[in-house]
Amino acid sequence: MMRIVLWGTYDTGKPRVRLLRDGLRQNGFDLIECHADVWRGIEDKSQLTGLPQKIRAALRWFAHYPGLLWRYFQLPAHDMVLVSYPGLFDVLLIRVFAWLRGAPVVWDVFISIYDTVVMDRRLVAPRTSLARFIWGMERLAIQAADLVFMDTQTHARRLEKLFNLPNGSCGSVFVGAEVEHFAADREYKKIGEGSSGEKTFQVLFYSQFIPLHGIQYILKAARLLRDEPIDWVLIGRGQEAVRIRTMIKDDPLPRLRWIEWVEYSDLKIWIRRADVCLGIFGTSDKAASVIPNKIYQIVAAQRPIITRDSPAIRELIRHDPPGVYLVRPGDARALADAIVQHMNTPEEKLRRPCHGDLLQRIDARAIGDQFRRMIVEKGFTGG
């Protein structure tokens, strides 16, 4: 049995981390956790606004490392150290100490800081000193690990290109979903009639408001369908919130409801209420490389979904099954047409759960098995 130490300041508030941890245990790995919970109470990191708050969070974070390293040396012999998200500083710190104990280091990069803040969100301008510093730090951390992996094969190839890594050197493991939490109803059913007797149809989008999601295209689609009996629900906040609020103010949509925050435990309620759920529609290369958490969650809830077509989504959805609509990115008309197509689908054709064939590929056990197969393929074996 391979013994793995899951080490560092990983954020257990993220489904990615929990699924990987639980999946390893379900696949027979002897998993030892050596963890400092620095993210407790910070479910949304956008809450950290203002320099004093950020400084306090950073000091709290780094203050845990001496104790973490001391605890690491008290652990029994092990075959591997796994660093999960977010782990850039964790990797740099554990590298030498893991080497002293003869254990390789595997890093779940999951979200590249450079790709996120420089290439995708443009919070730091490319070609600046700060951008080069971020790239250099992340490149150093990647080199410190014996193996790094991302959430999709497409994303792995993107990381290799960004950091000049050998082709095929980066592995991939799906994000997956806590299937038991999002368990579906027995059969699909439409919402029915509203209080006025009018037939209602609810479209749900939830996520962080970041460029990758292409929320502006959702608003444009809503305007194209403003005369249809459709209720639009947006849940989220983030970088794009000011821009989206301005778009709504300039051209109000009476049937659109915007909720800034919903607890993770309540997401399943909103998903089940929706007639169709929306994924991402951004046009960036990163948008083409990822499958966000919510895609897996909607699949787990077995609800119809509309999202952009991309090489990444085709890794999960390899054909066009019922209840899935893959549309051109950045195309509000294509999104609107998909919504209308679903609205006009006879209900009798929908009276069966969607995505049933995918559930066995996205639960914790499947995620752990993907990890096992990846490390075997990369030549890592142990006790």
Foldseek 3Di string as FASTA:
>chain_A
DAEEEAAAAAAPLDLLVVLQVVQQVVVPYNYHYLYDPLCPPCSDVVVQDDDVSVVVSVVSRVVCVVVSLVVVVVDDQGAAYEYEPPCLVVLVVCLVVCVVSVHAYEYANADQPLCPCDVFQNVDDPPDPVSVVSLVSNLVSCVSGPAYEYAFLLVQQVVCVSNVHPPPRHHHFHSFAQLVLLAADQWDDALAADPVRHGEAEEEEEDEPGQLQVVVLVVVLCVVCLVPRYAYEYEAYYDCNVVVVVVCVVPPRVRYYYHHDDDPSCVSVVLNNHQEYEFGQHDDSVSQRHGDHVNNSNLSRQHAYEYADHPGVCVQVVDAWPRYHHFHHPHSVRVNVVVVVSVPDPVVVRTGGHNPVRNVCRGSNNSSVSVVVVCVVVPRDDD
